Structure formats: C-alpha cells, structure tokens
C-alpha cells in the first residue's frame, strides 16, 4: 500500500464503495470543518440510493486510489 494509507469504508448493506458523508463546511471559505457522522442519515450510498451504515474494508481488500483510476 502507498504511504498515504488511510482507513477505507464501504456500505454495510451492499458492500459498495460509492459512499458519501455529510460534512460541515464554512460557506465563506469552503474550508472543511468536520464530518457529520454523528448525525442521523449522515451516510449515503449512491449504489443503494439510501441512507446506510458504514463498514470498514479489511486492509487486504483496500484500494490504492492513486493507482486504481476506476474508483470514484
């Protein structure tokens, strides 16, 4: 894995990696402040088209986003 390793997540329902999280962003500077992971319905799976829970992807199955250009 690359030196830029970070934990990766997938949809707990479909195991898809096309998941999004709501975030707090300063409207004047567009600076990312924090995610809204503690809020109800903060996680969205674009594959399921529904609010879902996240599940950790085991390290051996994680993708190197720098090398795999097929990832979103």
N, C-alpha and C. Protein backbone atom coordinates (compact mmCIF):
# COMPACT_ATOMS: atom_id res chain seq x y z
N UNK A 1 0.84 -1.18 0.00
CA UNK A 1 0.00 0.00 0.00
C UNK A 1 0.88 1.24 0.00
N UNK A 2 0.30 2.34 -0.44
CA UNK A 2 1.08 3.57 -0.54
C UNK A 2 1.31 4.17 0.84
N UNK A 3 2.20 5.16 0.88
CA UNK A 3 2.49 5.85 2.14
C UNK A 3 1.32 6.69 2.62
N UNK A 4 0.34 6.94 1.75
CA UNK A 4 -0.82 7.76 2.09
C UNK A 4 -1.97 6.91 2.60
N UNK A 5 -1.67 5.81 3.28
CA UNK A 5 -2.69 4.89 3.76
C UNK A 5 -3.68 5.59 4.69
N UNK A 6 -4.94 5.32 4.50
CA UNK A 6 -5.98 5.73 5.43
C UNK A 6 -7.09 4.68 5.38
N UNK A 7 -7.82 4.56 6.46
CA UNK A 7 -8.89 3.57 6.53
C UNK A 7 -9.91 3.85 5.44
N UNK A 8 -10.38 2.79 4.79
CA UNK A 8 -11.40 2.91 3.76
C UNK A 8 -12.67 2.22 4.22
N UNK A 9 -13.80 2.69 3.68
CA UNK A 9 -15.10 2.25 4.14
C UNK A 9 -15.97 1.83 2.97
N UNK A 10 -16.98 1.00 3.27
CA UNK A 10 -17.96 0.60 2.26
C UNK A 10 -19.35 0.60 2.90
N UNK A 11 -20.35 0.46 2.06
CA UNK A 11 -21.73 0.36 2.52
C UNK A 11 -21.93 -0.98 3.22
N UNK A 12 -22.50 -0.94 4.40
CA UNK A 12 -22.73 -2.17 5.16
C UNK A 12 -23.77 -3.05 4.47
N UNK A 13 -24.66 -2.46 3.70
CA UNK A 13 -25.74 -3.20 3.04
C UNK A 13 -25.27 -3.91 1.78
N UNK A 14 -24.67 -3.16 0.84
CA UNK A 14 -24.31 -3.74 -0.46
C UNK A 14 -22.82 -3.94 -0.65
N UNK A 15 -22.00 -3.49 0.32
CA UNK A 15 -20.53 -3.57 0.27
C UNK A 15 -19.93 -2.67 -0.81
N UNK A 16 -20.73 -1.80 -1.41
CA UNK A 16 -20.24 -0.87 -2.43
C UNK A 16 -19.38 0.22 -1.81
N UNK A 17 -18.45 0.72 -2.59
CA UNK A 17 -17.53 1.76 -2.11
C UNK A 17 -17.95 3.16 -2.52
N UNK A 18 -19.12 3.29 -3.14
CA UNK A 18 -19.62 4.57 -3.62
C UNK A 18 -20.46 5.23 -2.51
N UNK A 19 -19.80 5.54 -1.39
CA UNK A 19 -20.50 6.11 -0.23
C UNK A 19 -20.04 7.54 0.02
N UNK A 20 -20.93 8.31 0.59
CA UNK A 20 -20.67 9.72 0.86
C UNK A 20 -21.09 10.04 2.29
N UNK A 21 -20.49 11.10 2.83
CA UNK A 21 -20.84 11.54 4.19
C UNK A 21 -21.10 13.04 4.16
N UNK A 22 -22.08 13.46 4.94
CA UNK A 22 -22.34 14.88 5.07
C UNK A 22 -21.21 15.52 5.86
N UNK A 23 -20.94 16.78 5.56
CA UNK A 23 -19.85 17.47 6.24
C UNK A 23 -20.23 18.90 6.55
N UNK A 24 -19.58 19.44 7.58
CA UNK A 24 -19.69 20.85 7.91
C UNK A 24 -18.60 21.59 7.13
N UNK A 25 -19.00 22.57 6.34
CA UNK A 25 -18.08 23.34 5.52
C UNK A 25 -18.40 24.82 5.71
N UNK A 26 -17.36 25.63 5.92
CA UNK A 26 -17.56 27.07 6.06
C UNK A 26 -18.05 27.62 4.72
N UNK A 27 -19.22 28.24 4.71
CA UNK A 27 -19.80 28.72 3.45
C UNK A 27 -19.01 29.86 2.82
N UNK A 28 -18.24 30.60 3.60
CA UNK A 28 -17.49 31.73 3.05
C UNK A 28 -16.14 31.33 2.48
N UNK A 29 -15.52 30.31 3.05
CA UNK A 29 -14.19 29.92 2.60
C UNK A 29 -14.17 28.54 1.94
N UNK A 30 -15.27 27.79 2.05
CA UNK A 30 -15.38 26.41 1.59
C UNK A 30 -14.38 25.49 2.28
N UNK A 31 -13.91 25.92 3.47
CA UNK A 31 -13.00 25.11 4.26
C UNK A 31 -13.78 23.99 4.95
N UNK A 32 -13.27 22.76 4.83
CA UNK A 32 -13.85 21.61 5.51
C UNK A 32 -13.61 21.77 7.00
N UNK A 33 -14.67 21.65 7.80
CA UNK A 33 -14.56 21.78 9.25
C UNK A 33 -14.57 20.40 9.91
N UNK A 34 -15.61 19.61 9.65
CA UNK A 34 -15.76 18.30 10.27
C UNK A 34 -16.84 17.54 9.52
N UNK A 35 -16.88 16.21 9.73
CA UNK A 35 -17.98 15.47 9.12
C UNK A 35 -19.14 15.41 10.10
N UNK A 36 -20.28 15.03 9.59
CA UNK A 36 -21.50 14.96 10.39
C UNK A 36 -21.83 13.50 10.70
N UNK A 37 -20.81 12.68 10.94
CA UNK A 37 -21.02 11.24 11.12
C UNK A 37 -21.91 10.91 12.30
N UNK A 38 -21.99 11.77 13.29
CA UNK A 38 -22.83 11.51 14.45
C UNK A 38 -24.29 11.84 14.21
N UNK A 39 -24.59 12.48 13.09
CA UNK A 39 -25.97 12.86 12.77
C UNK A 39 -26.71 11.70 12.10
N UNK A 40 -27.99 11.61 12.39
CA UNK A 40 -28.82 10.59 11.75
C UNK A 40 -28.86 10.84 10.24
N UNK A 41 -28.77 9.81 9.44
CA UNK A 41 -28.82 9.89 7.98
C UNK A 41 -27.65 10.65 7.38
N UNK A 42 -26.47 10.62 8.02
CA UNK A 42 -25.31 11.35 7.51
C UNK A 42 -24.59 10.58 6.40
N UNK A 43 -24.81 9.28 6.29
CA UNK A 43 -24.11 8.45 5.31
C UNK A 43 -25.07 8.09 4.18
N UNK A 44 -24.62 8.27 2.94
CA UNK A 44 -25.43 7.97 1.76
C UNK A 44 -24.68 6.99 0.87
N UNK A 45 -25.36 5.94 0.41
CA UNK A 45 -24.79 5.01 -0.57
C UNK A 45 -25.44 5.32 -1.92
N UNK A 46 -24.61 5.72 -2.87
CA UNK A 46 -25.12 6.06 -4.19
C UNK A 46 -25.56 4.82 -4.95
N UNK A 47 -25.04 3.65 -4.59
CA UNK A 47 -25.46 2.40 -5.23
C UNK A 47 -26.84 1.97 -4.72
N UNK A 48 -27.06 2.03 -3.42
CA UNK A 48 -28.35 1.66 -2.82
C UNK A 48 -29.39 2.77 -2.97
N UNK A 49 -28.90 4.00 -3.17
CA UNK A 49 -29.77 5.17 -3.20
C UNK A 49 -30.55 5.28 -1.89
N UNK A 50 -29.79 5.15 -0.79
CA UNK A 50 -30.42 5.18 0.53
C UNK A 50 -29.38 5.58 1.58
N UNK A 51 -29.88 6.00 2.75
CA UNK A 51 -29.02 6.26 3.90
C UNK A 51 -28.65 4.92 4.51
N UNK A 52 -27.37 4.74 4.82
CA UNK A 52 -26.87 3.44 5.27
C UNK A 52 -25.88 3.62 6.41
N UNK A 53 -25.37 2.48 6.90
CA UNK A 53 -24.26 2.47 7.86
C UNK A 53 -23.00 2.09 7.11
N UNK A 54 -21.86 2.52 7.64
CA UNK A 54 -20.57 2.19 7.04
C UNK A 54 -19.99 0.94 7.68
N UNK A 55 -19.12 0.28 6.91
CA UNK A 55 -18.38 -0.88 7.39
C UNK A 55 -16.94 -0.72 6.92
N UNK A 56 -15.99 -1.05 7.79
CA UNK A 56 -14.58 -0.95 7.42
C UNK A 56 -14.23 -1.99 6.35
N UNK A 57 -13.41 -1.59 5.39
CA UNK A 57 -12.89 -2.51 4.39
C UNK A 57 -11.61 -3.12 4.96
N UNK A 58 -11.49 -4.46 5.00
CA UNK A 58 -10.26 -5.07 5.51
C UNK A 58 -9.05 -4.57 4.72
N UNK A 59 -7.92 -4.33 5.39
CA UNK A 59 -6.74 -3.78 4.72
C UNK A 59 -6.32 -4.54 3.46
N UNK A 60 -6.45 -5.87 3.44
CA UNK A 60 -6.03 -6.63 2.28
C UNK A 60 -6.94 -6.41 1.07
N UNK A 61 -8.13 -5.85 1.28
CA UNK A 61 -9.07 -5.59 0.18
C UNK A 61 -9.14 -4.11 -0.20
N UNK A 62 -8.40 -3.28 0.52
CA UNK A 62 -8.46 -1.85 0.25
C UNK A 62 -7.79 -1.52 -1.07
N UNK A 63 -8.23 -0.44 -1.67
CA UNK A 63 -7.75 0.00 -2.97
C UNK A 63 -6.73 1.10 -2.82
N UNK A 64 -5.78 1.13 -3.71
CA UNK A 64 -4.82 2.23 -3.79
C UNK A 64 -5.40 3.23 -4.78
N UNK A 65 -6.05 4.28 -4.29
CA UNK A 65 -6.73 5.23 -5.14
C UNK A 65 -5.78 5.98 -6.07
N UNK A 66 -4.49 6.01 -5.74
CA UNK A 66 -3.51 6.65 -6.63
C UNK A 66 -3.27 5.80 -7.87
N UNK A 67 -3.37 4.48 -7.75
CA UNK A 67 -3.07 3.60 -8.86
C UNK A 67 -4.33 3.10 -9.58
N UNK A 68 -5.44 2.94 -8.88
CA UNK A 68 -6.67 2.39 -9.47
C UNK A 68 -7.56 3.53 -9.94
N UNK A 69 -7.49 3.87 -11.20
CA UNK A 69 -8.23 5.01 -11.75
C UNK A 69 -9.70 4.68 -12.00
N UNK A 70 -10.12 3.42 -11.79
CA UNK A 70 -11.50 3.05 -11.98
C UNK A 70 -12.37 3.44 -10.78
N UNK A 71 -11.76 3.82 -9.67
CA UNK A 71 -12.51 4.15 -8.47
C UNK A 71 -13.12 5.54 -8.58
N UNK A 72 -14.25 5.76 -7.94
CA UNK A 72 -14.89 7.08 -7.99
C UNK A 72 -14.04 8.13 -7.30
